[in-house]
Amino acid sequence: LLHGAPNMDTLVALGSSVSFLWSLGV
């Protein structure tokens, strides 16, 4: 993602990270 070429792992990482960060905020 930082190299400007997101891959399938980016989708997994974003989905999981957003879930975790949202839950951490809650």
mmCIF file of all heavy atoms, coordinates in Angstrom:
data_MODEL
# 
_entry.id   MODEL 
# 
loop_
_atom_site.group_PDB 
_atom_site.id 
_atom_site.type_symbol 
_atom_site.label_atom_id 
_atom_site.label_alt_id 
_atom_site.label_comp_id 
_atom_site.label_asym_id 
_atom_site.label_entity_id 
_atom_site.label_seq_id 
_atom_site.pdbx_PDB_ins_code 
_atom_site.Cartn_x 
_atom_site.Cartn_y 
_atom_site.Cartn_z 
_atom_site.occupancy 
_atom_site.B_iso_or_equiv 
_atom_site.pdbx_formal_charge 
_atom_site.auth_seq_id 
_atom_site.auth_comp_id 
_atom_site.auth_asym_id 
_atom_site.auth_atom_id 
_atom_site.pdbx_PDB_model_num 
ATOM 1   N N   . LEU A 1 1  ? 0.838   -1.200  0.000  1.00 0.00 ? 1  LEU A N   1 
ATOM 2   C CA  . LEU A 1 1  ? 0.000   0.000   0.000  1.00 0.00 ? 1  LEU A CA  1 
ATOM 3   C C   . LEU A 1 1  ? 0.872   1.250   0.000  1.00 0.00 ? 1  LEU A C   1 
ATOM 4   O O   . LEU A 1 1  ? 0.595   2.221   -0.728 1.00 0.00 ? 1  LEU A O   1 
ATOM 5   C CB  . LEU A 1 1  ? -0.918  -0.004  1.226  1.00 0.00 ? 1  LEU A CB  1 
ATOM 6   C CG  . LEU A 1 1  ? -1.956  1.135   1.310  1.00 0.00 ? 1  LEU A CG  1 
ATOM 7   C CD1 . LEU A 1 1  ? -2.924  1.068   0.147  1.00 0.00 ? 1  LEU A CD1 1 
ATOM 8   C CD2 . LEU A 1 1  ? -2.714  1.056   2.633  1.00 0.00 ? 1  LEU A CD2 1 
ATOM 9   N N   . LEU A 1 2  ? 1.965   1.230   0.771  1.00 0.00 ? 2  LEU A N   1 
ATOM 10  C CA  . LEU A 1 2  ? 2.887   2.366   0.818  1.00 0.00 ? 2  LEU A CA  1 
ATOM 11  C C   . LEU A 1 2  ? 3.619   2.545   -0.508 1.00 0.00 ? 2  LEU A C   1 
ATOM 12  O O   . LEU A 1 2  ? 4.013   3.658   -0.859 1.00 0.00 ? 2  LEU A O   1 
ATOM 13  C CB  . LEU A 1 2  ? 3.909   2.169   1.951  1.00 0.00 ? 2  LEU A CB  1 
ATOM 14  C CG  . LEU A 1 2  ? 3.343   2.252   3.383  1.00 0.00 ? 2  LEU A CG  1 
ATOM 15  C CD1 . LEU A 1 2  ? 4.409   1.898   4.403  1.00 0.00 ? 2  LEU A CD1 1 
ATOM 16  C CD2 . LEU A 1 2  ? 2.784   3.651   3.650  1.00 0.00 ? 2  LEU A CD2 1 
ATOM 17  N N   . HIS A 1 3  ? 3.805   1.438   -1.245 1.00 0.00 ? 3  HIS A N   1 
ATOM 18  C CA  . HIS A 1 3  ? 4.447   1.516   -2.560 1.00 0.00 ? 3  HIS A CA  1 
ATOM 19  C C   . HIS A 1 3  ? 3.456   1.896   -3.660 1.00 0.00 ? 3  HIS A C   1 
ATOM 20  O O   . HIS A 1 3  ? 3.813   1.925   -4.840 1.00 0.00 ? 3  HIS A O   1 
ATOM 21  C CB  . HIS A 1 3  ? 5.117   0.177   -2.911 1.00 0.00 ? 3  HIS A CB  1 
ATOM 22  C CG  . HIS A 1 3  ? 6.454   -0.019  -2.279 1.00 0.00 ? 3  HIS A CG  1 
ATOM 23  N ND1 . HIS A 1 3  ? 6.606   -0.586  -1.028 1.00 0.00 ? 3  HIS A ND1 1 
ATOM 24  C CD2 . HIS A 1 3  ? 7.716   0.300   -2.696 1.00 0.00 ? 3  HIS A CD2 1 
ATOM 25  C CE1 . HIS A 1 3  ? 7.896   -0.636  -0.715 1.00 0.00 ? 3  HIS A CE1 1 
ATOM 26  N NE2 . HIS A 1 3  ? 8.584   -0.108  -1.699 1.00 0.00 ? 3  HIS A NE2 1 
ATOM 27  N N   . GLY A 1 4  ? 2.217   2.137   -3.268 1.00 0.00 ? 4  GLY A N   1 
ATOM 28  C CA  . GLY A 1 4  ? 1.210   2.531   -4.250 1.00 0.00 ? 4  GLY A CA  1 
ATOM 29  C C   . GLY A 1 4  ? 0.701   1.397   -5.103 1.00 0.00 ? 4  GLY A C   1 
ATOM 30  O O   . GLY A 1 4  ? 0.162   1.631   -6.189 1.00 0.00 ? 4  GLY A O   1 
ATOM 31  N N   . ALA A 1 5  ? 0.891   0.159   -4.638 1.00 0.00 ? 5  ALA A N   1 
ATOM 32  C CA  . ALA A 1 5  ? 0.428   -1.005  -5.401 1.00 0.00 ? 5  ALA A CA  1 
ATOM 33  C C   . ALA A 1 5  ? -0.244  -1.989  -4.462 1.00 0.00 ? 5  ALA A C   1 
ATOM 34  O O   . ALA A 1 5  ? 0.286   -3.077  -4.204 1.00 0.00 ? 5  ALA A O   1 
ATOM 35  C CB  . ALA A 1 5  ? 1.593   -1.665  -6.129 1.00 0.00 ? 5  ALA A CB  1 
ATOM 36  N N   . PRO A 1 6  ? -1.408  -1.645  -3.901 1.00 0.00 ? 6  PRO A N   1 
ATOM 37  C CA  . PRO A 1 6  ? -2.075  -2.540  -2.949 1.00 0.00 ? 6  PRO A CA  1 
ATOM 38  C C   . PRO A 1 6  ? -2.399  -3.890  -3.567 1.00 0.00 ? 6  PRO A C   1 
ATOM 39  O O   . PRO A 1 6  ? -2.737  -3.977  -4.752 1.00 0.00 ? 6  PRO A O   1 
ATOM 40  C CB  . PRO A 1 6  ? -3.352  -1.771  -2.579 1.00 0.00 ? 6  PRO A CB  1 
ATOM 41  C CG  . PRO A 1 6  ? -3.581  -0.830  -3.716 1.00 0.00 ? 6  PRO A CG  1 
ATOM 42  C CD  . PRO A 1 6  ? -2.216  -0.456  -4.210 1.00 0.00 ? 6  PRO A CD  1 
ATOM 43  N N   . ASN A 1 7  ? -2.296  -4.953  -2.741 1.00 0.00 ? 7  ASN A N   1 
ATOM 44  C CA  . ASN A 1 7  ? -2.607  -6.291  -3.228 1.00 0.00 ? 7  ASN A CA  1 
ATOM 45  C C   . ASN A 1 7  ? -3.736  -6.898  -2.396 1.00 0.00 ? 7  ASN A C   1 
ATOM 46  O O   . ASN A 1 7  ? -4.372  -6.214  -1.594 1.00 0.00 ? 7  ASN A O   1 
ATOM 47  C CB  . ASN A 1 7  ? -1.356  -7.181  -3.191 1.00 0.00 ? 7  ASN A CB  1 
ATOM 48  C CG  . ASN A 1 7  ? -0.782  -7.302  -1.791 1.00 0.00 ? 7  ASN A CG  1 
ATOM 49  O OD1 . ASN A 1 7  ? -1.401  -6.902  -0.802 1.00 0.00 ? 7  ASN A OD1 1 
ATOM 50  N ND2 . ASN A 1 7  ? 0.404   -7.871  -1.688 1.00 0.00 ? 7  ASN A ND2 1 
ATOM 51  N N   . MET A 1 8  ? -3.979  -8.184  -2.614 1.00 0.00 ? 8  MET A N   1 
ATOM 52  C CA  . MET A 1 8  ? -5.071  -8.846  -1.892 1.00 0.00 ? 8  MET A CA  1 
ATOM 53  C C   . MET A 1 8  ? -4.830  -8.823  -0.382 1.00 0.00 ? 8  MET A C   1 
ATOM 54  O O   . MET A 1 8  ? -5.768  -8.738  0.406  1.00 0.00 ? 8  MET A O   1 
ATOM 55  C CB  . MET A 1 8  ? -5.223  -10.295 -2.371 1.00 0.00 ? 8  MET A CB  1 
ATOM 56  C CG  . MET A 1 8  ? -5.484  -10.450 -3.856 1.00 0.00 ? 8  MET A CG  1 
ATOM 57  S SD  . MET A 1 8  ? -7.036  -9.725  -4.403 1.00 0.00 ? 8  MET A SD  1 
ATOM 58  C CE  . MET A 1 8  ? -6.973  -10.083 -6.150 1.00 0.00 ? 8  MET A CE  1 
ATOM 59  N N   . ASP A 1 9  ? -3.557  -8.911  0.014  1.00 0.00 ? 9  ASP A N   1 
ATOM 60  C CA  . ASP A 1 9  ? -3.243  -8.854  1.444  1.00 0.00 ? 9  ASP A CA  1 
ATOM 61  C C   . ASP A 1 9  ? -3.632  -7.506  2.038  1.00 0.00 ? 9  ASP A C   1 
ATOM 62  O O   . ASP A 1 9  ? -3.936  -7.406  3.234  1.00 0.00 ? 9  ASP A O   1 
ATOM 63  C CB  . ASP A 1 9  ? -1.745  -9.093  1.660  1.00 0.00 ? 9  ASP A CB  1 
ATOM 64  C CG  . ASP A 1 9  ? -1.346  -10.543 1.447  1.00 0.00 ? 9  ASP A CG  1 
ATOM 65  O OD1 . ASP A 1 9  ? -2.266  -11.375 1.306  1.00 0.00 ? 9  ASP A OD1 1 
ATOM 66  O OD2 . ASP A 1 9  ? -0.146  -10.846 1.416  1.00 0.00 ? 9  ASP A OD2 1 
ATOM 67  N N   . THR A 1 10 ? -3.615  -6.466  1.203  1.00 0.00 ? 10 THR A N   1 
ATOM 68  C CA  . THR A 1 10 ? -4.015  -5.139  1.679  1.00 0.00 ? 10 THR A CA  1 
ATOM 69  C C   . THR A 1 10 ? -5.472  -5.148  2.123  1.00 0.00 ? 10 THR A C   1 
ATOM 70  O O   . THR A 1 10 ? -5.834  -4.534  3.133  1.00 0.00 ? 10 THR A O   1 
ATOM 71  C CB  . THR A 1 10 ? -3.799  -4.094  0.571  1.00 0.00 ? 10 THR A CB  1 
ATOM 72  O OG1 . THR A 1 10 ? -2.460  -4.153  0.107  1.00 0.00 ? 10 THR A OG1 1 
ATOM 73  C CG2 . THR A 1 10 ? -4.089  -2.686  1.093  1.00 0.00 ? 10 THR A CG2 1 
ATOM 74  N N   . LEU A 1 11 ? -6.311  -5.843  1.364  1.00 0.00 ? 11 LEU A N   1 
ATOM 75  C CA  . LEU A 1 11 ? -7.732  -5.934  1.731  1.00 0.00 ? 11 LEU A CA  1 
ATOM 76  C C   . LEU A 1 11 ? -7.889  -6.633  3.079  1.00 0.00 ? 11 LEU A C   1 
ATOM 77  O O   . LEU A 1 11 ? -8.668  -6.202  3.939  1.00 0.00 ? 11 LEU A O   1 
ATOM 78  C CB  . LEU A 1 11 ? -8.508  -6.702  0.660  1.00 0.00 ? 11 LEU A CB  1 
ATOM 79  C CG  . LEU A 1 11 ? -8.509  -6.122  -0.754 1.00 0.00 ? 11 LEU A CG  1 
ATOM 80  C CD1 . LEU A 1 11 ? -9.343  -7.002  -1.676 1.00 0.00 ? 11 LEU A CD1 1 
ATOM 81  C CD2 . LEU A 1 11 ? -9.037  -4.701  -0.765 1.00 0.00 ? 11 LEU A CD2 1 
ATOM 82  N N   . VAL A 1 12 ? -7.136  -7.731  3.261  1.00 0.00 ? 12 VAL A N   1 
ATOM 83  C CA  . VAL A 1 12 ? -7.203  -8.478  4.525  1.00 0.00 ? 12 VAL A CA  1 
ATOM 84  C C   . VAL A 1 12 ? -6.701  -7.607  5.673  1.00 0.00 ? 12 VAL A C   1 
ATOM 85  O O   . VAL A 1 12 ? -7.327  -7.511  6.738  1.00 0.00 ? 12 VAL A O   1 
ATOM 86  C CB  . VAL A 1 12 ? -6.357  -9.770  4.439  1.00 0.00 ? 12 VAL A CB  1 
ATOM 87  C CG1 . VAL A 1 12 ? -6.383  -10.519 5.765  1.00 0.00 ? 12 VAL A CG1 1 
ATOM 88  C CG2 . VAL A 1 12 ? -6.863  -10.658 3.315  1.00 0.00 ? 12 VAL A CG2 1 
ATOM 89  N N   . ALA A 1 13 ? -5.547  -6.965  5.466  1.00 0.00 ? 13 ALA A N   1 
ATOM 90  C CA  . ALA A 1 13 ? -4.947  -6.142  6.514  1.00 0.00 ? 13 ALA A CA  1 
ATOM 91  C C   . ALA A 1 13 ? -5.848  -4.971  6.884  1.00 0.00 ? 13 ALA A C   1 
ATOM 92  O O   . ALA A 1 13 ? -6.031  -4.663  8.076  1.00 0.00 ? 13 ALA A O   1 
ATOM 93  C CB  . ALA A 1 13 ? -3.577  -5.637  6.052  1.00 0.00 ? 13 ALA A CB  1 
ATOM 94  N N   . LEU A 1 14 ? -6.430  -4.318  5.878  1.00 0.00 ? 14 LEU A N   1 
ATOM 95  C CA  . LEU A 1 14 ? -7.306  -3.177  6.161  1.00 0.00 ? 14 LEU A CA  1 
ATOM 96  C C   . LEU A 1 14 ? -8.560  -3.620  6.899  1.00 0.00 ? 14 LEU A C   1 
ATOM 97  O O   . LEU A 1 14 ? -8.963  -2.998  7.891  1.00 0.00 ? 14 LEU A O   1 
ATOM 98  C CB  . LEU A 1 14 ? -7.684  -2.475  4.855  1.00 0.00 ? 14 LEU A CB  1 
ATOM 99  C CG  . LEU A 1 14 ? -6.608  -1.587  4.214  1.00 0.00 ? 14 LEU A CG  1 
ATOM 100 C CD1 . LEU A 1 14 ? -7.096  -1.059  2.880  1.00 0.00 ? 14 LEU A CD1 1 
ATOM 101 C CD2 . LEU A 1 14 ? -6.248  -0.431  5.143  1.00 0.00 ? 14 LEU A CD2 1 
ATOM 102 N N   . GLY A 1 15 ? -9.197  -4.688  6.426  1.00 0.00 ? 15 GLY A N   1 
ATOM 103 C CA  . GLY A 1 15 ? -10.427 -5.166  7.065  1.00 0.00 ? 15 GLY A CA  1 
ATOM 104 C C   . GLY A 1 15 ? -10.197 -5.542  8.519  1.00 0.00 ? 15 GLY A C   1 
ATOM 105 O O   . GLY A 1 15 ? -10.966 -5.149  9.407  1.00 0.00 ? 15 GLY A O   1 
ATOM 106 N N   . SER A 1 16 ? -9.114  -6.284  8.771  1.00 0.00 ? 16 SER A N   1 
ATOM 107 C CA  . SER A 1 16 ? -8.822  -6.718  10.137 1.00 0.00 ? 16 SER A CA  1 
ATOM 108 C C   . SER A 1 16 ? -8.400  -5.543  11.017 1.00 0.00 ? 16 SER A C   1 
ATOM 109 O O   . SER A 1 16 ? -8.851  -5.411  12.164 1.00 0.00 ? 16 SER A O   1 
ATOM 110 C CB  . SER A 1 16 ? -7.711  -7.777  10.104 1.00 0.00 ? 16 SER A CB  1 
ATOM 111 O OG  . SER A 1 16 ? -7.352  -8.179  11.399 1.00 0.00 ? 16 SER A OG  1 
ATOM 112 N N   . SER A 1 17 ? -7.552  -4.676  10.472 1.00 0.00 ? 17 SER A N   1 
ATOM 113 C CA  . SER A 1 17 ? -7.041  -3.547  11.264 1.00 0.00 ? 17 SER A CA  1 
ATOM 114 C C   . SER A 1 17 ? -8.143  -2.558  11.626 1.00 0.00 ? 17 SER A C   1 
ATOM 115 O O   . SER A 1 17 ? -8.194  -2.059  12.763 1.00 0.00 ? 17 SER A O   1 
ATOM 116 C CB  . SER A 1 17 ? -5.926  -2.827  10.495 1.00 0.00 ? 17 SER A CB  1 
ATOM 117 O OG  . SER A 1 17 ? -4.842  -3.693  10.252 1.00 0.00 ? 17 SER A OG  1 
ATOM 118 N N   . VAL A 1 18 ? -9.016  -2.274  10.660 1.00 0.00 ? 18 VAL A N   1 
ATOM 119 C CA  . VAL A 1 18 ? -10.115 -1.351  10.943 1.00 0.00 ? 18 VAL A CA  1 
ATOM 120 C C   . VAL A 1 18 ? -11.026 -1.938  12.027 1.00 0.00 ? 18 VAL A C   1 
ATOM 121 O O   . VAL A 1 18 ? -11.467 -1.227  12.936 1.00 0.00 ? 18 VAL A O   1 
ATOM 122 C CB  . VAL A 1 18 ? -10.915 -1.041  9.655  1.00 0.00 ? 18 VAL A CB  1 
ATOM 123 C CG1 . VAL A 1 18 ? -12.203 -0.298  9.982  1.00 0.00 ? 18 VAL A CG1 1 
ATOM 124 C CG2 . VAL A 1 18 ? -10.065 -0.225  8.691  1.00 0.00 ? 18 VAL A CG2 1 
ATOM 125 N N   . SER A 1 19 ? -11.285 -3.248  11.947 1.00 0.00 ? 19 SER A N   1 
ATOM 126 C CA  . SER A 1 19 ? -12.109 -3.899  12.974 1.00 0.00 ? 19 SER A CA  1 
ATOM 127 C C   . SER A 1 19 ? -11.449 -3.772  14.348 1.00 0.00 ? 19 SER A C   1 
ATOM 128 O O   . SER A 1 19 ? -12.120 -3.454  15.341 1.00 0.00 ? 19 SER A O   1 
ATOM 129 C CB  . SER A 1 19 ? -12.296 -5.389  12.642 1.00 0.00 ? 19 SER A CB  1 
ATOM 130 O OG  . SER A 1 19 ? -12.958 -5.560  11.422 1.00 0.00 ? 19 SER A OG  1 
ATOM 131 N N   . PHE A 1 20 ? -10.150 -3.999  14.389 1.00 0.00 ? 20 PHE A N   1 
ATOM 132 C CA  . PHE A 1 20 ? -9.438  -3.954  15.675 1.00 0.00 ? 20 PHE A CA  1 
ATOM 133 C C   . PHE A 1 20 ? -9.387  -2.526  16.218 1.00 0.00 ? 20 PHE A C   1 
ATOM 134 O O   . PHE A 1 20 ? -9.661  -2.299  17.411 1.00 0.00 ? 20 PHE A O   1 
ATOM 135 C CB  . PHE A 1 20 ? -8.015  -4.492  15.502 1.00 0.00 ? 20 PHE A CB  1 
ATOM 136 C CG  . PHE A 1 20 ? -7.230  -4.512  16.778 1.00 0.00 ? 20 PHE A CG  1 
ATOM 137 C CD1 . PHE A 1 20 ? -7.356  -5.566  17.668 1.00 0.00 ? 20 PHE A CD1 1 
ATOM 138 C CD2 . PHE A 1 20 ? -6.379  -3.460  17.110 1.00 0.00 ? 20 PHE A CD2 1 
ATOM 139 C CE1 . PHE A 1 20 ? -6.645  -5.583  18.864 1.00 0.00 ? 20 PHE A CE1 1 
ATOM 140 C CE2 . PHE A 1 20 ? -5.676  -3.464  18.300 1.00 0.00 ? 20 PHE A CE2 1 
ATOM 141 C CZ  . PHE A 1 20 ? -5.805  -4.529  19.173 1.00 0.00 ? 20 PHE A CZ  1 
ATOM 142 N N   . LEU A 1 21 ? -9.040  -1.568  15.365 1.00 0.00 ? 21 LEU A N   1 
ATOM 143 C CA  . LEU A 1 21 ? -8.915  -0.180  15.828 1.00 0.00 ? 21 LEU A CA  1 
ATOM 144 C C   . LEU A 1 21 ? -10.270 0.374   16.277 1.00 0.00 ? 21 LEU A C   1 
ATOM 145 O O   . LEU A 1 21 ? -10.350 1.116   17.261 1.00 0.00 ? 21 LEU A O   1 
ATOM 146 C CB  . LEU A 1 21 ? -8.319  0.683   14.707 1.00 0.00 ? 21 LEU A CB  1 
ATOM 147 C CG  . LEU A 1 21 ? -6.847  0.383   14.368 1.00 0.00 ? 21 LEU A CG  1 
ATOM 148 C CD1 . LEU A 1 21 ? -6.408  1.186   13.164 1.00 0.00 ? 21 LEU A CD1 1 
ATOM 149 C CD2 . LEU A 1 21 ? -5.947  0.658   15.570 1.00 0.00 ? 21 LEU A CD2 1 
ATOM 150 N N   . TRP A 1 22 ? -11.333 0.028   15.549 1.00 0.00 ? 22 TRP A N   1 
ATOM 151 C CA  . TRP A 1 22 ? -12.674 0.457   15.970 1.00 0.00 ? 22 TRP A CA  1 
ATOM 152 C C   . TRP A 1 22 ? -13.008 -0.129  17.351 1.00 0.00 ? 22 TRP A C   1 
ATOM 153 O O   . TRP A 1 22 ? -13.464 0.588   18.248 1.00 0.00 ? 22 TRP A O   1 
ATOM 154 C CB  . TRP A 1 22 ? -13.718 0.036   14.946 1.00 0.00 ? 22 TRP A CB  1 
ATOM 155 C CG  . TRP A 1 22 ? -15.125 0.251   15.425 1.00 0.00 ? 22 TRP A CG  1 
ATOM 156 C CD1 . TRP A 1 22 ? -15.944 -0.641  16.028 1.00 0.00 ? 22 TRP A CD1 1 
ATOM 157 C CD2 . TRP A 1 22 ? -15.848 1.481   15.375 1.00 0.00 ? 22 TRP A CD2 1 
ATOM 158 N NE1 . TRP A 1 22 ? -17.146 -0.075  16.353 1.00 0.00 ? 22 TRP A NE1 1 
ATOM 159 C CE2 . TRP A 1 22 ? -17.118 1.241   15.966 1.00 0.00 ? 22 TRP A CE2 1 
ATOM 160 C CE3 . TRP A 1 22 ? -15.565 2.752   14.881 1.00 0.00 ? 22 TRP A CE3 1 
ATOM 161 C CZ2 . TRP A 1 22 ? -18.096 2.230   16.074 1.00 0.00 ? 22 TRP A CZ2 1 
ATOM 162 C CZ3 . TRP A 1 22 ? -16.542 3.735   14.980 1.00 0.00 ? 22 TRP A CZ3 1 
ATOM 163 C CH2 . TRP A 1 22 ? -17.792 3.481   15.578 1.00 0.00 ? 22 TRP A CH2 1 
ATOM 164 N N   . SER A 1 23 ? -12.745 -1.419  17.506 1.00 0.00 ? 23 SER A N   1 
ATOM 165 C CA  . SER A 1 23 ? -13.032 -2.078  18.789 1.00 0.00 ? 23 SER A CA  1 
ATOM 166 C C   . SER A 1 23 ? -12.171 -1.496  19.906 1.00 0.00 ? 23 SER A C   1 
ATOM 167 O O   . SER A 1 23 ? -12.635 -1.352  21.052 1.00 0.00 ? 23 SER A O   1 
ATOM 168 C CB  . SER A 1 23 ? -12.778 -3.584  18.674 1.00 0.00 ? 23 SER A CB  1 
ATOM 169 O OG  . SER A 1 23 ? -13.579 -4.145  17.652 1.00 0.00 ? 23 SER A OG  1 
ATOM 170 N N   . LEU A 1 24 ? -10.926 -1.163  19.596 1.00 0.00 ? 24 LEU A N   1 
ATOM 171 C CA  . LEU A 1 24 ? -10.046 -0.555  20.595 1.00 0.00 ? 24 LEU A CA  1 
ATOM 172 C C   . LEU A 1 24 ? -10.609 0.795   21.059 1.00 0.00 ? 24 LEU A C   1 
ATOM 173 O O   . LEU A 1 24 ? -10.599 1.121   22.255 1.00 0.00 ? 24 LEU A O   1 
ATOM 174 C CB  . LEU A 1 24 ? -8.641  -0.380  20.011 1.00 0.00 ? 24 LEU A CB  1 
ATOM 175 C CG  . LEU A 1 24 ? -7.557  0.143   20.967 1.00 0.00 ? 24 LEU A CG  1 
ATOM 176 C CD1 . LEU A 1 24 ? -7.341  -0.840  22.110 1.00 0.00 ? 24 LEU A CD1 1 
ATOM 177 C CD2 . LEU A 1 24 ? -6.246  0.375   20.201 1.00 0.00 ? 24 LEU A CD2 1 
ATOM 178 N N   . GLY A 1 25 ? -11.114 1.576   20.072 1.00 0.00 ? 25 GLY A N   1 
ATOM 179 C CA  . GLY A 1 25 ? -11.727 2.853   20.422 1.00 0.00 ? 25 GLY A CA  1 
ATOM 180 C C   . GLY A 1 25 ? -12.951 2.671   21.307 1.00 0.00 ? 25 GLY A C   1 
ATOM 181 O O   . GLY A 1 25 ? -13.149 3.411   22.286 1.00 0.00 ? 25 GLY A O   1 
ATOM 182 N N   . VAL A 1 26 ? -13.783 1.662   20.987 1.00 0.00 ? 26 VAL A N   1 
ATOM 183 C CA  . VAL A 1 26 ? -14.969 1.380   21.802 1.00 0.00 ? 26 VAL A CA  1 
ATOM 184 C C   . VAL A 1 26 ? -14.538 0.937   23.206 1.00 0.00 ? 26 VAL A C   1 
ATOM 185 O O   . VAL A 1 26 ? -15.163 1.318   24.213 1.00 0.00 ? 26 VAL A O   1 
ATOM 186 C CB  . VAL A 1 26 ? -15.832 0.290   21.129 1.00 0.00 ? 26 VAL A CB  1 
ATOM 187 C CG1 . VAL A 1 26 ? -16.961 -0.164  22.056 1.00 0.00 ? 26 VAL A CG1 1 
ATOM 188 C CG2 . VAL A 1 26 ? -16.398 0.809   19.816 1.00 0.00 ? 26 VAL A CG2 1 
# 
